[in-house]
Amino acid sequence: MNTYENPDSPKNGFTTKVWTAVAIAASVIVVLLLLWKAVNVLFLILAGAILSVYFHGLAGLLRRRLSVPKKFSLSLSVGITVLFLGGLFALVGARIAEEATSFAEQLPKFIDDASAYVQQNKEVKSIFEEVKSSQTMEKVTPYLTKFFNSSFGFLGDIYVVIFIGVFFTASPVQYKKGMVKLLPAGARREGSEIIELISGNLKAWLKGMLFSMLVVFVLTAIGLVCLGVNLWLILAIIAGLLSFIPNFGPVIAIIPAALVALSQSPETALWVILLYCLVQLIESSFVMPLVQQKLIETPPALLIITQVFMGVWLGGWGVVLATPILVIVMVMVENLYIKKQDRKEKNEQDSLHVG
């Protein structure tokens, strides 16, 4: 009996196609699983890229203002940043460290004072007991645990971000060419243009956020000093740093300030809350519109949805980097889909008019 089968037979051709499809599907699934497991590392890479964008943005500003060579301006931007941080630490580092230590030591007292106030106020007590209920805590605890999780610990993450940022800063063209080469030949030109657009939008966003953080820090510091709140410097720094996270950052910043103010008096705590609301109103009404002028329009609701999704999925890094991720996605959607759809509709309308 002849068991030989022709490899070119339809049956064997179909079997080969099935196994090829299975192999491709399995490869895609494996890649997706690896990306899912390594997604926190990808976020650290994005943070390093943003740090590189900062250095190159500052280098571009110095190059335009001082007319210095590109390589020198990049070295100058890194040097100025290091000197600024070193000088700032030398001037007020001792004060910041002292207030931070004092805040950490007095935190249990601040919490006890807040608890005592809650016990004395029936309305606030009922709300607090509802929040503190076992069912609520069971629902919230997994999300809080996820939020404060990190890939290598906080200091380890910062080290990785700086390490990646330095390499991206030193040779950005090399990494850009590597990314472009991964694309099909026909898409490389468009891919290169989109990378430049993303870089420009991230520069504009980062410039605006740094300005916003400075405004929030200055206004908060002035307000806290006028109200006579203790530890005003560290509280203002916390407010400025947390303003990097839109929507949720300012709300989180109120908590330590309210605790410190409540230890002085309930009236002071009320004035501090009003101060933070006023600063947030000024920042969102006057500062952020200036930031958004140079960016692709990002709907506020979409930003909040992105923050919540990223926070639940990836924790703290997800919330911190939600805005630049949304900026990147919006640039890609705008250029890879919306503009092409607009051109297609325009061409169809033109062909109808001609016909």
Protein backbone atom coordinates (compact mmCIF):
# COMPACT_ATOMS: atom_id res chain seq x y z
CA MET A 1 0.00 0.00 0.00
CA ASN A 2 1.46 3.35 -1.04
CA THR A 3 1.33 5.83 1.86
CA TYR A 4 3.20 8.60 0.07
CA GLU A 5 1.40 11.96 0.09
CA ASN A 6 2.19 14.71 -2.34
CA PRO A 7 3.40 17.77 -0.35
CA ASP A 8 1.79 19.99 -2.98
CA SER A 9 -1.64 18.40 -2.50
CA PRO A 10 -4.49 20.71 -1.33
CA LYS A 11 -4.76 18.77 1.92
CA ASN A 12 -1.10 19.32 2.85
CA GLY A 13 -1.29 22.96 1.75
CA PHE A 14 -4.25 23.55 4.06
CA THR A 15 -2.45 21.80 6.97
CA THR A 16 0.63 23.98 6.46
CA LYS A 17 -1.49 27.14 6.50
CA VAL A 18 -3.24 26.02 9.70
CA TRP A 19 0.04 25.31 11.47
CA THR A 20 1.49 28.62 10.23
CA ALA A 21 -1.54 30.50 11.58
CA VAL A 22 -1.26 28.66 14.92
CA ALA A 23 2.46 29.49 15.16
CA ILE A 24 1.82 33.19 14.42
CA ALA A 25 -1.05 33.33 16.93
CA ALA A 26 1.09 31.62 19.59
CA SER A 27 3.97 34.04 18.93
CA VAL A 28 1.65 37.04 19.23
CA ILE A 29 0.20 35.69 22.50
CA VAL A 30 3.68 35.11 23.93
CA VAL A 31 4.78 38.64 22.97
CA LEU A 32 1.63 40.14 24.50
CA LEU A 33 2.14 38.15 27.72
CA LEU A 34 5.75 39.32 27.92
CA LEU A 35 4.65 42.93 27.38
CA TRP A 36 1.94 42.50 30.02
CA LYS A 37 4.46 41.23 32.55
CA ALA A 38 7.08 43.83 31.59
CA VAL A 39 4.69 46.77 31.30
CA ASN A 40 6.11 48.45 34.43
CA VAL A 41 9.55 48.34 32.82
CA LEU A 42 8.09 49.96 29.69
CA PHE A 43 6.73 52.74 31.89
CA LEU A 44 10.19 53.29 33.38
CA ILE A 45 11.55 53.52 29.82
CA LEU A 46 8.88 56.16 29.06
CA ALA A 47 9.86 58.09 32.19
CA GLY A 48 13.50 57.96 31.08
CA ALA A 49 12.48 59.22 27.64
CA ILE A 50 10.62 62.15 29.26
CA LEU A 51 13.76 62.99 31.25
CA SER A 52 15.68 62.98 27.97
CA VAL A 53 13.02 65.24 26.42
CA TYR A 54 13.57 67.69 29.30
CA PHE A 55 17.34 67.83 28.76
CA HIS A 56 16.98 68.26 24.99
CA GLY A 57 14.27 70.89 25.45
CA LEU A 58 16.48 72.91 27.78
CA ALA A 59 19.42 72.42 25.39
CA GLY A 60 17.31 73.79 22.52
CA LEU A 61 16.40 76.86 24.59
CA LEU A 62 20.05 77.48 25.46
CA ARG A 63 21.07 76.99 21.82
CA ARG A 64 18.58 79.60 20.65
CA ARG A 65 19.44 82.10 23.38
CA LEU A 66 23.21 81.70 23.49
CA SER A 67 23.96 80.50 19.92
CA VAL A 68 26.14 77.65 21.15
CA PRO A 69 26.83 74.32 19.34
CA LYS A 70 24.32 71.51 19.80
CA LYS A 71 26.60 69.14 21.74
CA PHE A 72 27.79 71.93 24.02
CA SER A 73 24.21 73.07 24.70
CA LEU A 74 23.24 69.53 25.70
CA SER A 75 26.15 69.27 28.13
CA LEU A 76 25.28 72.75 29.38
CA SER A 77 21.65 71.76 30.01
CA VAL A 78 22.72 68.77 32.11
CA GLY A 79 25.30 70.87 33.97
CA ILE A 80 22.85 73.70 34.69
CA THR A 81 20.26 71.23 36.00
CA VAL A 82 22.78 69.54 38.29
CA LEU A 83 24.12 72.90 39.53
CA PHE A 84 20.61 74.25 40.09
CA LEU A 85 19.55 71.21 42.12
CA GLY A 86 22.84 71.23 44.02
CA GLY A 87 22.59 74.96 44.74
CA LEU A 88 18.96 74.64 45.79
CA PHE A 89 19.84 71.81 48.13
CA ALA A 90 22.74 73.83 49.56
CA LEU A 91 20.51 76.86 50.19
CA VAL A 92 17.35 75.27 51.54
CA GLY A 93 18.23 71.57 51.71
CA ALA A 94 18.79 71.69 55.46
CA ARG A 95 15.45 73.46 55.97
CA ILE A 96 13.64 70.96 53.73
CA ALA A 97 15.25 68.00 55.49
CA GLU A 98 14.41 69.48 58.90
CA GLU A 99 10.76 70.07 57.98
CA ALA A 100 10.44 66.66 56.31
CA THR A 101 11.84 64.96 59.42
CA SER A 102 9.60 67.03 61.66
CA PHE A 103 6.56 66.18 59.55
CA ALA A 104 7.37 62.47 59.67
CA GLU A 105 7.89 62.56 63.44
CA GLN A 106 4.72 64.56 64.11
CA LEU A 107 2.53 62.66 61.67
CA PRO A 108 1.11 60.33 64.39
CA LYS A 109 0.21 63.43 66.46
CA PHE A 110 -1.43 65.08 63.44
CA ILE A 111 -3.50 61.94 62.88
CA ASP A 112 -4.45 61.77 66.57
CA ASP A 113 -5.54 65.42 66.51
CA ALA A 114 -7.60 64.76 63.40
CA SER A 115 -9.16 61.67 65.03
CA ALA A 116 -10.04 63.69 68.13
CA TYR A 117 -11.71 66.33 65.99
CA VAL A 118 -13.63 63.64 64.11
CA GLN A 119 -14.87 62.14 67.38
CA GLN A 120 -16.15 65.53 68.53
CA ASN A 121 -18.00 66.26 65.28
CA LYS A 122 -20.99 63.93 64.74
CA GLU A 123 -21.43 64.63 61.01
CA VAL A 124 -17.78 64.11 60.21
CA LYS A 125 -17.68 61.05 62.49
CA SER A 126 -20.50 59.30 60.62
CA ILE A 127 -18.76 59.88 57.27
CA PHE A 128 -15.44 58.69 58.69
CA GLU A 129 -16.97 55.51 60.13
CA GLU A 130 -18.59 54.74 56.77
CA VAL A 131 -15.25 55.15 54.99
CA LYS A 132 -13.49 53.09 57.67
CA SER A 133 -16.01 50.23 57.47
CA SER A 134 -14.59 46.77 56.74
CA GLN A 135 -16.43 46.43 53.44
CA THR A 136 -15.08 49.72 52.14
CA MET A 137 -11.53 48.91 53.22
CA GLU A 138 -11.74 45.45 51.64
CA LYS A 139 -12.62 47.08 48.33
CA VAL A 140 -10.04 49.86 48.54
CA THR A 141 -7.04 47.95 49.97
CA PRO A 142 -6.17 45.96 46.80
CA TYR A 143 -6.14 49.18 44.74
CA LEU A 144 -4.00 51.01 47.30
CA THR A 145 -1.56 48.08 47.39
CA LYS A 146 -1.36 48.14 43.59
CA PHE A 147 -0.93 51.93 43.57
CA PHE A 148 2.09 51.91 45.86
CA ASN A 149 3.70 48.94 44.10
CA SER A 150 6.75 49.52 41.91
CA SER A 151 9.09 47.45 39.80
CA PHE A 152 12.32 47.78 41.81
CA GLY A 153 11.23 49.88 44.79
CA PHE A 154 10.97 53.66 44.68
CA LEU A 155 14.70 54.41 44.78
CA GLY A 156 15.40 51.57 42.35
CA ASP A 157 12.82 52.97 39.92
CA ILE A 158 14.36 56.45 40.14
CA TYR A 159 17.82 55.01 39.47
CA VAL A 160 16.55 53.11 36.40
CA VAL A 161 14.77 56.21 35.07
CA ILE A 162 17.90 58.37 35.44
CA PHE A 163 20.07 55.64 33.90
CA ILE A 164 17.78 55.28 30.87
CA GLY A 165 17.35 59.06 30.58
CA VAL A 166 21.12 59.60 30.43
CA PHE A 167 21.53 57.10 27.58
CA PHE A 168 18.57 58.53 25.66
CA THR A 169 19.99 62.02 26.16
CA ALA A 170 23.47 61.04 24.98
CA SER A 171 22.42 59.46 21.66
CA PRO A 172 18.73 60.04 20.83
CA VAL A 173 19.26 59.72 17.05
CA GLN A 174 20.56 56.18 17.42
CA TYR A 175 17.48 55.05 19.35
CA LYS A 176 15.13 56.90 17.00
CA LYS A 177 16.72 55.22 13.95
CA GLY A 178 16.40 51.86 15.68
CA MET A 179 12.68 52.40 16.27
CA VAL A 180 12.13 53.55 12.69
CA LYS A 181 13.96 50.52 11.27
CA LEU A 182 11.49 48.23 13.04
CA LEU A 183 8.73 49.65 10.83
CA PRO A 184 7.97 48.46 7.26
CA ALA A 185 9.98 50.31 4.62
CA GLY A 186 6.94 52.17 3.31
CA ALA A 187 6.00 53.45 6.78
CA ARG A 188 9.42 54.61 7.96
CA ARG A 189 9.13 58.19 6.73
CA GLU A 190 5.73 58.64 8.34
CA GLY A 191 6.96 56.90 11.50
CA SER A 192 9.90 59.28 11.76
CA GLU A 193 7.57 62.28 11.39
CA ILE A 194 5.24 60.96 14.08
CA ILE A 195 8.16 60.43 16.48
CA GLU A 196 9.16 64.08 15.94
CA LEU A 197 5.56 65.19 16.59
CA ILE A 198 5.40 63.14 19.78
CA SER A 199 8.71 64.60 20.92
CA GLY A 200 7.50 68.15 20.23
CA ASN A 201 4.22 67.59 22.10
CA LEU A 202 6.02 66.04 25.08
CA LYS A 203 8.39 69.03 25.19
CA ALA A 204 5.46 71.46 25.19
CA TRP A 205 3.63 69.41 27.82
CA LEU A 206 6.69 69.12 30.07
CA LYS A 207 7.47 72.84 29.76
CA GLY A 208 3.90 73.67 30.75
CA MET A 209 3.88 71.22 33.66
CA LEU A 210 7.14 72.57 35.09
CA PHE A 211 5.74 76.10 34.89
CA SER A 212 2.50 74.93 36.51
CA MET A 213 4.41 73.21 39.33
CA LEU A 214 6.40 76.39 39.98
CA VAL A 215 3.24 78.52 40.09
CA VAL A 216 1.52 76.11 42.49
CA PHE A 217 4.58 75.98 44.75
CA VAL A 218 4.97 79.78 44.91
CA LEU A 219 1.27 80.53 45.49
CA THR A 220 0.92 77.77 48.08
CA ALA A 221 4.06 78.88 49.93
CA ILE A 222 2.90 82.50 50.06
CA GLY A 223 -0.57 81.47 51.25
CA LEU A 224 0.70 79.13 53.96
CA VAL A 225 3.14 81.75 55.26
CA CYS A 226 0.34 84.35 55.40
CA LEU A 227 -1.86 81.89 57.31
CA GLY A 228 0.95 81.11 59.74
CA VAL A 229 0.94 77.36 59.03
CA ASN A 230 3.84 75.35 60.39
CA LEU A 231 6.07 73.34 58.00
CA TRP A 232 4.97 75.59 55.14
CA LEU A 233 8.02 74.88 52.97
CA ILE A 234 7.68 71.08 52.83
CA LEU A 235 3.91 71.41 52.35
CA ALA A 236 4.40 73.82 49.44
CA ILE A 237 6.97 71.48 47.88
CA ILE A 238 4.54 68.56 48.19
CA ALA A 239 1.80 70.66 46.54
CA GLY A 240 4.12 71.69 43.71
CA LEU A 241 5.36 68.16 43.03
CA LEU A 242 1.87 66.60 43.17
CA SER A 243 0.52 69.17 40.71
CA PHE A 244 2.45 67.11 38.14
CA ILE A 245 -0.50 64.70 38.42
CA PRO A 246 -3.58 66.52 37.07
CA ASN A 247 -6.93 66.17 38.89
CA PHE A 248 -5.77 63.80 41.64
CA GLY A 249 -2.45 65.37 42.68
CA PRO A 250 -3.93 68.59 44.13
CA VAL A 251 -6.53 66.58 46.08
CA ILE A 252 -3.82 64.37 47.61
CA ALA A 253 -1.73 67.46 48.46
CA ILE A 254 -4.54 68.87 50.62
CA ILE A 255 -4.39 65.93 53.06
CA PRO A 256 -0.99 66.61 54.73
CA ALA A 257 -1.62 70.36 54.72
CA ALA A 258 -5.04 69.92 56.35
CA LEU A 259 -3.57 67.58 58.98
CA VAL A 260 -0.85 70.09 59.91
CA ALA A 261 -3.32 73.01 59.97
CA LEU A 262 -5.89 71.06 62.00
CA SER A 263 -3.28 70.50 64.70
CA GLN A 264 -3.21 74.31 65.06
CA SER A 265 -6.98 74.94 64.85
CA PRO A 266 -10.04 73.88 62.83
CA GLU A 267 -10.32 77.41 61.46
CA THR A 268 -6.76 77.27 60.14
CA ALA A 269 -7.52 73.92 58.48
CA LEU A 270 -10.58 75.45 56.80
CA TRP A 271 -8.54 78.40 55.51
CA VAL A 272 -5.84 76.04 54.23
CA ILE A 273 -8.42 73.97 52.32
CA LEU A 274 -9.83 77.18 50.82
CA LEU A 275 -6.28 78.27 49.90
CA TYR A 276 -5.59 75.01 48.07
CA CYS A 277 -8.91 75.26 46.23
CA LEU A 278 -8.08 78.84 45.20
CA VAL A 279 -4.60 77.84 43.97
CA GLN A 280 -6.11 74.97 42.01
CA LEU A 281 -8.70 77.33 40.50
CA ILE A 282 -5.97 79.77 39.40
CA GLU A 283 -3.85 76.93 38.00
CA SER A 284 -6.71 75.33 36.06
CA SER A 285 -8.22 78.62 34.84
CA PHE A 286 -5.12 80.58 33.82
CA VAL A 287 -2.03 78.34 33.75
CA MET A 288 -3.36 75.15 32.14
CA PRO A 289 -5.04 76.94 29.20
CA LEU A 290 -1.59 78.35 28.32
CA VAL A 291 -0.17 74.82 28.50
CA GLN A 292 -2.93 73.32 26.34
CA GLN A 293 -2.48 75.89 23.53
CA LYS A 294 0.56 74.05 22.16
CA LEU A 295 -0.84 70.55 22.63
CA ILE A 296 -3.31 68.36 20.82
CA GLU A 297 -6.61 68.94 22.58
CA THR A 298 -7.15 66.30 25.29
CA PRO A 299 -10.69 66.20 26.71
CA PRO A 300 -10.61 66.43 30.56
CA ALA A 301 -12.98 63.47 30.96
CA LEU A 302 -10.72 61.33 28.77
CA LEU A 303 -7.72 62.30 30.91
CA ILE A 304 -9.53 61.28 34.12
CA ILE A 305 -10.60 57.97 32.55
CA THR A 306 -7.01 57.33 31.47
CA GLN A 307 -5.70 58.14 34.97
CA VAL A 308 -8.20 55.84 36.66
CA PHE A 309 -7.54 53.00 34.20
CA MET A 310 -3.76 53.34 34.44
CA GLY A 311 -3.88 53.67 38.24
CA VAL A 312 -5.97 50.53 38.69
CA TRP A 313 -3.93 48.57 36.15
CA LEU A 314 -0.38 49.77 36.82
CA GLY A 315 -0.41 51.63 40.12
CA GLY A 316 1.47 54.84 40.91
CA TRP A 317 3.53 55.00 37.72
CA GLY A 318 0.35 54.63 35.70
CA VAL A 319 -1.23 57.70 37.34
CA VAL A 320 1.96 59.77 37.08
CA LEU A 321 2.49 58.96 33.39
CA ALA A 322 -1.16 58.90 32.32
CA THR A 323 -0.99 62.39 30.78
CA PRO A 324 2.09 61.83 28.56
CA ILE A 325 0.66 58.46 27.53
CA LEU A 326 -2.58 60.16 26.51
CA VAL A 327 -0.59 62.81 24.61
CA ILE A 328 1.28 60.07 22.71
CA VAL A 329 -1.92 58.17 21.90
CA MET A 330 -3.69 61.36 20.76
CA VAL A 331 -0.82 62.27 18.43
CA MET A 332 -0.83 58.79 16.91
CA VAL A 333 -4.62 58.67 16.50
CA GLU A 334 -4.63 62.18 15.03
CA ASN A 335 -1.97 61.38 12.41
CA LEU A 336 -2.58 57.70 11.69
CA TYR A 337 -6.36 57.75 11.58
CA ILE A 338 -8.19 61.09 11.81
CA LYS A 339 -6.11 63.02 9.25
CA LYS A 340 -6.18 60.08 6.84
CA GLN A 341 -9.95 59.79 7.22
CA ASP A 342 -10.32 63.54 6.60
CA ARG A 343 -8.18 63.31 3.44
CA LYS A 344 -10.16 60.29 2.26
CA GLU A 345 -13.49 62.09 2.78
CA LYS A 346 -12.15 65.20 1.04
CA ASN A 347 -10.97 63.15 -1.95
CA GLU A 348 -14.35 61.43 -2.16
CA GLN A 349 -16.15 64.77 -2.09
CA ASP A 350 -13.80 66.19 -4.75
CA SER A 351 -14.39 63.16 -6.98
CA LEU A 352 -18.16 63.59 -6.62
CA HIS A 353 -17.92 67.28 -7.59
CA VAL A 354 -15.79 66.42 -10.61
CA GLY A 355 -18.20 63.66 -11.62
